[in-house]
Amino acid sequence: MTAAGTTMDHTAYIDAAAATLGLQITAEQRPGVTRYFALAADMAAVVNGLPLTPADEAGNVFKPVSPDLGEGAA
């Protein structure tokens, strides 16, 4: 959905991005790719809807951590 509450058609973007990357999206794959873009747009709308203040800032340092492998992990 867009900010206006209407469903967005991602077909043109999917076609252009696939062509740019040299990807072939089959007829069987297209519904899943389209659903993913709709899901990503919905997630972006949630994030974009959050209020920000001058005190908010992006995290500028990535500190990787090792995953907890649990007991018995090799």
C-alpha atoms as a PDB file:
ATOM      1  CA  MET A   1       0.000   0.000   0.000  1.00  0.00           C
ATOM      2  CA  THR A   2       1.083   3.513  -0.610  1.00  0.00           C
ATOM      3  CA  ALA A   3       0.793   6.372   1.850  1.00  0.00           C
ATOM      4  CA  ALA A   4      -2.583   7.110   0.258  1.00  0.00           C
ATOM      5  CA  GLY A   5      -3.726   3.577   1.084  1.00  0.00           C
ATOM      6  CA  THR A   6      -3.761   2.299  -2.474  1.00  0.00           C
ATOM      7  CA  THR A   7      -2.067  -0.879  -3.659  1.00  0.00           C
ATOM      8  CA  MET A   8       1.052  -0.248  -5.716  1.00  0.00           C
ATOM      9  CA  ASP A   9       1.826  -2.227  -8.867  1.00  0.00           C
ATOM     10  CA  HIS A  10       5.480  -3.271  -8.672  1.00  0.00           C
ATOM     11  CA  THR A  11       5.486  -4.941 -12.098  1.00  0.00           C
ATOM     12  CA  ALA A  12       7.359  -2.185 -13.944  1.00  0.00           C
ATOM     13  CA  TYR A  13      10.085  -2.024 -11.293  1.00  0.00           C
ATOM     14  CA  ILE A  14      10.450  -5.807 -11.170  1.00  0.00           C
ATOM     15  CA  ASP A  15      10.758  -5.968 -14.961  1.00  0.00           C
ATOM     16  CA  ALA A  16      13.285  -3.109 -15.102  1.00  0.00           C
ATOM     17  CA  ALA A  17      15.394  -4.438 -12.226  1.00  0.00           C
ATOM     18  CA  ALA A  18      15.422  -7.949 -13.656  1.00  0.00           C
ATOM     19  CA  ALA A  19      16.482  -6.636 -17.064  1.00  0.00           C
ATOM     20  CA  THR A  20      19.222  -4.487 -15.513  1.00  0.00           C
ATOM     21  CA  LEU A  21      20.576  -7.437 -13.528  1.00  0.00           C
ATOM     22  CA  GLY A  22      20.192  -9.914 -16.361  1.00  0.00           C
ATOM     23  CA  LEU A  23      17.697 -12.008 -14.398  1.00  0.00           C
ATOM     24  CA  GLN A  24      14.934 -14.020 -15.966  1.00  0.00           C
ATOM     25  CA  ILE A  25      11.828 -14.233 -13.787  1.00  0.00           C
ATOM     26  CA  THR A  26       9.637 -17.102 -14.905  1.00  0.00           C
ATOM     27  CA  ALA A  27       5.858 -17.056 -14.873  1.00  0.00           C
ATOM     28  CA  GLU A  28       5.991 -19.445 -11.902  1.00  0.00           C
ATOM     29  CA  GLN A  29       8.341 -17.151  -9.951  1.00  0.00           C
ATOM     30  CA  ARG A  30       6.560 -13.858 -10.695  1.00  0.00           C
ATOM     31  CA  PRO A  31       3.739 -14.206  -8.104  1.00  0.00           C
ATOM     32  CA  GLY A  32       6.271 -14.837  -5.323  1.00  0.00           C
ATOM     33  CA  VAL A  33       8.503 -11.961  -6.392  1.00  0.00           C
ATOM     34  CA  THR A  34       5.483  -9.659  -6.554  1.00  0.00           C
ATOM     35  CA  ARG A  35       4.312 -10.783  -3.093  1.00  0.00           C
ATOM     36  CA  TYR A  36       7.784 -10.086  -1.682  1.00  0.00           C
ATOM     37  CA  PHE A  37       7.800  -6.550  -3.090  1.00  0.00           C
ATOM     38  CA  ALA A  38       4.366  -5.936  -1.573  1.00  0.00           C
ATOM     39  CA  LEU A  39       5.621  -7.258   1.786  1.00  0.00           C
ATOM     40  CA  ALA A  40       8.740  -5.074   1.604  1.00  0.00           C
ATOM     41  CA  ALA A  41       6.592  -2.031   0.777  1.00  0.00           C
ATOM     42  CA  ASP A  42       4.359  -2.756   3.766  1.00  0.00           C
ATOM     43  CA  MET A  43       7.407  -3.000   6.063  1.00  0.00           C
ATOM     44  CA  ALA A  44       8.806   0.254   4.651  1.00  0.00           C
ATOM     45  CA  ALA A  45       5.481   1.988   5.297  1.00  0.00           C
ATOM     46  CA  VAL A  46       5.657   0.965   8.968  1.00  0.00           C
ATOM     47  CA  VAL A  47       9.222   2.272   9.318  1.00  0.00           C
ATOM     48  CA  ASN A  48       8.462   5.468   7.413  1.00  0.00           C
ATOM     49  CA  GLY A  49       5.456   6.058   9.643  1.00  0.00           C
ATOM     50  CA  LEU A  50       7.573   6.306  12.796  1.00  0.00           C
ATOM     51  CA  PRO A  51       8.180   9.818  14.042  1.00  0.00           C
ATOM     52  CA  LEU A  52      11.776  11.027  14.184  1.00  0.00           C
ATOM     53  CA  THR A  53      13.177  13.857  16.239  1.00  0.00           C
ATOM     54  CA  PRO A  54      16.488  15.721  15.999  1.00  0.00           C
ATOM     55  CA  ALA A  55      17.742  13.487  18.828  1.00  0.00           C
ATOM     56  CA  ASP A  56      17.272  10.343  16.702  1.00  0.00           C
ATOM     57  CA  GLU A  57      20.251   9.203  14.703  1.00  0.00           C
ATOM     58  CA  ALA A  58      21.159   6.222  12.615  1.00  0.00           C
ATOM     59  CA  GLY A  59      23.386   3.551  14.063  1.00  0.00           C
ATOM     60  CA  ASN A  60      26.675   4.232  12.324  1.00  0.00           C
ATOM     61  CA  VAL A  61      28.768   1.401  13.742  1.00  0.00           C
ATOM     62  CA  PHE A  62      28.220  -2.259  12.911  1.00  0.00           C
ATOM     63  CA  LYS A  63      29.668  -4.618  15.498  1.00  0.00           C
ATOM     64  CA  PRO A  64      29.307  -8.246  14.423  1.00  0.00           C
ATOM     65  CA  VAL A  65      28.806 -10.825  17.113  1.00  0.00           C
ATOM     66  CA  SER A  66      29.284 -14.561  16.974  1.00  0.00           C
ATOM     67  CA  PRO A  67      26.043 -16.538  17.016  1.00  0.00           C
ATOM     68  CA  ASP A  68      25.320 -18.581  20.118  1.00  0.00           C
ATOM     69  CA  LEU A  69      25.860 -22.096  18.849  1.00  0.00           C
ATOM     70  CA  GLY A  70      24.442 -23.725  21.977  1.00  0.00           C
ATOM     71  CA  GLU A  71      25.494 -26.952  23.625  1.00  0.00           C
ATOM     72  CA  GLY A  72      27.036 -29.684  21.540  1.00  0.00           C
ATOM     73  CA  ALA A  73      27.796 -27.486  18.574  1.00  0.00           C
ATOM     74  CA  ALA A  74      30.873 -28.471  16.677  1.00  0.00           C
END
